[in-house]
C-alpha cells in the first residue's frame, strides 16, 4: 500500500470510528427531538346523529363538529370538542330538534 493509500485508509478508519462509537444517537433507539414548544391543532367536520326517542321513533340529524387541542408540554395539554346537530320538522311537527354536545 502506498503512503497516500494508507493516509486515505487512516482518515476513513478515524471517520468510521467517530460515526460508530462517538455519536450518541447511535447508542439508543429513541429519535432526537426536533423542537419543543406549544402546539395547537384545530379540526372541523360534518356530524350525523341518528337517535331514537322511545315514544316517538327515530330522527336523523345533521350538523357540524369542531375541536381544538393545545399541548403545552409533552404531558400537559387542553382539548375542547363540540358538535351541534339539527333536524327540521322532527316527528311531523313544525318545530326543530337540536342537540349540542361538548367536552
Protein backbone atom coordinates (compact mmCIF):
# COMPACT_ATOMS: atom_id res chain seq x y z
CA UNK A 1 0.00 0.00 0.00
CA UNK A 2 1.33 3.41 -0.87
CA UNK A 3 1.59 6.30 1.55
CA UNK A 4 -1.42 8.09 0.01
CA UNK A 5 -3.45 4.86 0.23
CA UNK A 6 -2.51 4.47 3.93
CA UNK A 7 -3.47 8.09 4.56
CA UNK A 8 -6.88 7.62 2.93
CA UNK A 9 -7.42 4.37 4.86
CA UNK A 10 -6.42 6.10 8.13
CA UNK A 11 -8.80 9.00 7.54
CA UNK A 12 -11.57 6.56 6.62
CA UNK A 13 -10.91 4.47 9.76
CA UNK A 14 -11.00 7.55 12.02
CA UNK A 15 -14.20 8.76 10.36
CA UNK A 16 -15.88 5.36 10.72
CA UNK A 17 -14.85 5.05 14.38
CA UNK A 18 -16.29 8.50 15.12
CA UNK A 19 -19.59 7.55 13.49
CA UNK A 20 -19.84 4.19 15.25
CA UNK A 21 -18.56 5.00 18.73
CA UNK A 22 -18.64 8.76 19.41
CA UNK A 23 -22.09 9.66 18.04
CA UNK A 24 -24.66 9.47 20.88
CA UNK A 25 -27.61 8.94 18.51
CA UNK A 26 -26.20 5.54 17.54
CA UNK A 27 -26.33 4.29 21.12
CA UNK A 28 -30.12 4.30 21.57
CA UNK A 29 -33.32 3.76 19.67
CA UNK A 30 -35.11 6.98 20.66
CA UNK A 31 -35.05 9.67 17.96
CA UNK A 32 -33.71 13.12 18.63
CA UNK A 33 -36.26 15.79 19.45
CA UNK A 34 -36.62 18.32 16.66
CA UNK A 35 -38.12 21.08 18.76
CA UNK A 36 -40.11 21.66 21.91
CA UNK A 37 -42.90 24.19 22.20
CA UNK A 38 -46.65 24.58 22.44
CA UNK A 39 -48.71 23.22 19.56
CA UNK A 40 -52.28 23.99 18.53
CA UNK A 41 -54.46 21.72 16.40
CA UNK A 42 -57.89 22.75 15.08
CA UNK A 43 -60.41 20.44 13.43
CA UNK A 44 -63.84 20.93 11.88
CA UNK A 45 -66.12 18.39 10.27
CA UNK A 46 -69.56 17.06 9.43
CA UNK A 47 -71.67 15.43 12.17
CA UNK A 48 -74.51 12.96 11.67
CA UNK A 49 -76.66 11.81 14.59
CA UNK A 50 -79.35 9.15 14.38
CA UNK A 51 -81.08 8.96 17.74
CA UNK A 52 -84.17 7.18 18.97
CA UNK A 53 -86.86 8.66 21.16
CA UNK A 54 -88.72 5.73 22.78
CA UNK A 55 -92.23 7.16 22.44
CA UNK A 56 -91.84 8.79 19.01
CA UNK A 57 -89.32 6.88 16.88
CA UNK A 58 -86.03 7.75 15.21
CA UNK A 59 -84.79 11.07 13.88
CA UNK A 60 -81.72 11.78 11.80
CA UNK A 61 -79.85 15.00 12.48
CA UNK A 62 -77.11 16.71 10.50
CA UNK A 63 -74.68 19.33 11.76
CA UNK A 64 -71.13 20.40 12.40
CA UNK A 65 -68.45 19.34 14.85
CA UNK A 66 -65.24 21.11 15.77
CA UNK A 67 -62.37 20.75 18.19
CA UNK A 68 -59.27 22.50 19.48
CA UNK A 69 -56.26 20.77 21.03
CA UNK A 70 -53.37 22.64 22.66
CA UNK A 71 -50.29 20.87 24.02
CA UNK A 72 -48.05 22.93 26.29
CA UNK A 73 -45.50 20.21 27.10
CA UNK A 74 -45.17 16.54 26.20
CA UNK A 75 -47.56 15.59 29.02
CA UNK A 76 -49.80 18.61 29.63
CA UNK A 77 -52.44 19.86 27.25
CA UNK A 78 -56.03 21.00 26.82
CA UNK A 79 -58.63 19.57 24.46
CA UNK A 80 -62.09 21.00 23.71
CA UNK A 81 -64.67 19.49 21.37
CA UNK A 82 -68.22 20.49 20.48
CA UNK A 83 -70.86 19.44 17.99
CA UNK A 84 -74.23 20.86 17.02
CA UNK A 85 -76.83 18.88 15.09
CA UNK A 86 -80.33 19.84 13.99
CA UNK A 87 -83.33 18.19 12.34
CA UNK A 88 -86.15 20.25 10.83
CA UNK A 89 -89.71 19.05 11.20
CA UNK A 90 -88.88 16.33 13.73
CA UNK A 91 -91.75 13.91 14.38
CA UNK A 92 -94.04 15.66 11.90
CA UNK A 93 -94.35 18.96 13.79
CA UNK A 94 -93.27 22.43 12.75
CA UNK A 95 -90.52 22.59 15.39
CA UNK A 96 -86.94 21.54 15.02
CA UNK A 97 -84.84 19.27 17.21
CA UNK A 98 -81.37 20.44 18.35
CA UNK A 99 -78.53 18.61 20.10
CA UNK A 100 -75.48 20.44 21.44
CA UNK A 101 -72.72 18.18 22.76
CA UNK A 102 -69.48 19.47 24.24
CA UNK A 103 -66.44 18.16 26.04
